[in-house]
Amino acid sequence: MTPYRFSKPFYDHLPSRKESVILEGAGHFPIEQQGLEQMIAAVLAFLRRVEDEL
């Protein structure tokens, strides 16, 4: 993990379609309930978009 201020420029230069999700209330590894729920929702939404594109 790197600080957001270092990761953001790298992310911005990636040429692919992407989406950044900042997990609120989560630590380094999102095992806290609030962060975990947000991560699960973001992953499921991503998978639905991929499935819709097939």
N, C-alpha and C. Protein backbone atom coordinates (compact mmCIF):
# COMPACT_ATOMS: atom_id res chain seq x y z
N MET A 1 0.84 -1.17 0.00
CA MET A 1 0.00 0.00 0.00
C MET A 1 0.89 1.24 0.00
N THR A 2 0.46 2.21 -0.74
CA THR A 2 1.17 3.48 -0.79
C THR A 2 0.19 4.60 -0.43
N PRO A 3 0.69 5.71 0.04
CA PRO A 3 -0.21 6.83 0.32
C PRO A 3 -0.96 7.26 -0.95
N TYR A 4 -2.17 7.72 -0.77
CA TYR A 4 -3.01 8.13 -1.89
C TYR A 4 -2.31 9.15 -2.78
N ARG A 5 -1.60 10.09 -2.18
CA ARG A 5 -0.95 11.15 -2.96
C ARG A 5 0.10 10.59 -3.92
N PHE A 6 0.66 9.41 -3.62
CA PHE A 6 1.63 8.77 -4.53
C PHE A 6 0.92 7.85 -5.52
N SER A 7 -0.13 7.22 -5.09
CA SER A 7 -0.86 6.28 -5.96
C SER A 7 -1.69 6.98 -7.02
N LYS A 8 -2.27 8.13 -6.70
CA LYS A 8 -3.18 8.83 -7.62
C LYS A 8 -2.52 9.19 -8.96
N PRO A 9 -1.31 9.76 -8.98
CA PRO A 9 -0.69 10.07 -10.29
C PRO A 9 -0.47 8.81 -11.14
N PHE A 10 -0.06 7.72 -10.52
CA PHE A 10 0.12 6.46 -11.25
C PHE A 10 -1.22 6.00 -11.81
N TYR A 11 -2.25 6.00 -10.99
CA TYR A 11 -3.59 5.60 -11.41
C TYR A 11 -4.07 6.46 -12.58
N ASP A 12 -3.87 7.76 -12.48
CA ASP A 12 -4.32 8.68 -13.52
C ASP A 12 -3.66 8.42 -14.87
N HIS A 13 -2.47 7.87 -14.88
CA HIS A 13 -1.76 7.61 -16.13
C HIS A 13 -2.07 6.24 -16.74
N LEU A 14 -2.81 5.41 -16.04
CA LEU A 14 -3.19 4.12 -16.62
C LEU A 14 -4.16 4.36 -17.77
N PRO A 15 -3.89 3.79 -18.95
CA PRO A 15 -4.72 4.08 -20.11
C PRO A 15 -6.06 3.35 -20.15
N SER A 16 -6.25 2.36 -19.31
CA SER A 16 -7.48 1.56 -19.39
C SER A 16 -8.65 2.25 -18.69
N ARG A 17 -9.83 1.74 -18.96
CA ARG A 17 -11.02 2.21 -18.25
C ARG A 17 -10.91 1.73 -16.81
N LYS A 18 -11.19 2.59 -15.88
CA LYS A 18 -10.99 2.22 -14.48
C LYS A 18 -11.93 3.01 -13.59
N GLU A 19 -12.01 2.58 -12.35
CA GLU A 19 -12.80 3.27 -11.35
C GLU A 19 -12.09 3.13 -10.02
N SER A 20 -11.95 4.23 -9.34
CA SER A 20 -11.31 4.22 -8.02
C SER A 20 -12.40 4.24 -6.96
N VAL A 21 -12.25 3.39 -5.97
CA VAL A 21 -13.20 3.34 -4.86
C VAL A 21 -12.42 3.54 -3.57
N ILE A 22 -12.74 4.58 -2.85
CA ILE A 22 -12.10 4.85 -1.56
C ILE A 22 -13.01 4.26 -0.49
N LEU A 23 -12.50 3.30 0.26
CA LEU A 23 -13.30 2.64 1.29
C LEU A 23 -13.26 3.48 2.57
N GLU A 24 -14.42 3.95 2.97
CA GLU A 24 -14.53 4.74 4.19
C GLU A 24 -14.58 3.81 5.40
N GLY A 25 -13.89 4.17 6.44
CA GLY A 25 -13.93 3.39 7.68
C GLY A 25 -13.18 2.08 7.59
N ALA A 26 -12.20 1.99 6.68
CA ALA A 26 -11.45 0.75 6.51
C ALA A 26 -9.97 1.02 6.77
N GLY A 27 -9.29 0.01 7.28
CA GLY A 27 -7.86 0.12 7.50
C GLY A 27 -7.08 -0.38 6.30
N HIS A 28 -5.83 -0.78 6.53
CA HIS A 28 -4.93 -1.24 5.48
C HIS A 28 -5.54 -2.41 4.71
N PHE A 29 -6.12 -3.34 5.42
CA PHE A 29 -6.83 -4.47 4.80
C PHE A 29 -8.25 -4.38 5.31
N PRO A 30 -9.24 -4.26 4.40
CA PRO A 30 -10.60 -3.94 4.84
C PRO A 30 -11.32 -5.10 5.52
N ILE A 31 -10.98 -5.35 6.78
CA ILE A 31 -11.71 -6.36 7.53
C ILE A 31 -12.77 -5.73 8.43
N GLU A 32 -12.69 -4.39 8.58
CA GLU A 32 -13.73 -3.70 9.34
C GLU A 32 -15.03 -3.78 8.55
N GLN A 33 -16.13 -3.98 9.22
CA GLN A 33 -17.41 -4.24 8.56
C GLN A 33 -17.77 -3.18 7.52
N GLN A 34 -17.63 -1.91 7.86
CA GLN A 34 -18.00 -0.84 6.93
C GLN A 34 -17.16 -0.90 5.66
N GLY A 35 -15.85 -1.04 5.78
CA GLY A 35 -14.99 -1.11 4.61
C GLY A 35 -15.21 -2.37 3.81
N LEU A 36 -15.41 -3.48 4.51
CA LEU A 36 -15.64 -4.76 3.83
C LEU A 36 -16.93 -4.72 3.00
N GLU A 37 -17.98 -4.15 3.55
CA GLU A 37 -19.25 -4.05 2.80
C GLU A 37 -19.08 -3.18 1.56
N GLN A 38 -18.33 -2.10 1.68
CA GLN A 38 -18.10 -1.23 0.52
C GLN A 38 -17.27 -1.96 -0.55
N MET A 39 -16.27 -2.71 -0.11
CA MET A 39 -15.43 -3.44 -1.06
C MET A 39 -16.25 -4.50 -1.80
N ILE A 40 -17.06 -5.24 -1.08
CA ILE A 40 -17.90 -6.27 -1.69
C ILE A 40 -18.85 -5.64 -2.71
N ALA A 41 -19.48 -4.53 -2.35
CA ALA A 41 -20.41 -3.85 -3.26
C ALA A 41 -19.67 -3.38 -4.51
N ALA A 42 -18.47 -2.84 -4.36
CA ALA A 42 -17.70 -2.34 -5.50
C ALA A 42 -17.29 -3.48 -6.42
N VAL A 43 -16.85 -4.59 -5.85
CA VAL A 43 -16.44 -5.74 -6.67
C VAL A 43 -17.63 -6.32 -7.41
N LEU A 44 -18.77 -6.46 -6.73
CA LEU A 44 -19.96 -7.00 -7.40
C LEU A 44 -20.45 -6.08 -8.51
N ALA A 45 -20.40 -4.77 -8.29
CA ALA A 45 -20.79 -3.82 -9.33
C ALA A 45 -19.87 -3.94 -10.53
N PHE A 46 -18.58 -4.08 -10.29
CA PHE A 46 -17.61 -4.26 -11.38
C PHE A 46 -17.92 -5.53 -12.17
N LEU A 47 -18.16 -6.63 -11.47
CA LEU A 47 -18.45 -7.89 -12.16
C LEU A 47 -19.73 -7.80 -12.97
N ARG A 48 -20.74 -7.08 -12.46
CA ARG A 48 -21.98 -6.91 -13.23
C ARG A 48 -21.72 -6.12 -14.51
N ARG A 49 -20.89 -5.08 -14.42
CA ARG A 49 -20.57 -4.30 -15.62
C ARG A 49 -19.82 -5.15 -16.63
N VAL A 50 -18.88 -5.95 -16.18
CA VAL A 50 -18.14 -6.83 -17.08
C VAL A 50 -19.07 -7.82 -17.74
N GLU A 51 -19.97 -8.41 -16.95
CA GLU A 51 -20.93 -9.37 -17.49
C GLU A 51 -21.84 -8.72 -18.54
N ASP A 52 -22.27 -7.49 -18.27
CA ASP A 52 -23.15 -6.80 -19.22
C ASP A 52 -22.45 -6.51 -20.53
N GLU A 53 -21.13 -6.38 -20.51
CA GLU A 53 -20.37 -6.08 -21.72
C GLU A 53 -20.10 -7.33 -22.57
N LEU A 54 -20.34 -8.50 -22.02
CA LEU A 54 -20.08 -9.75 -22.77
C LEU A 54 -21.13 -10.02 -23.80
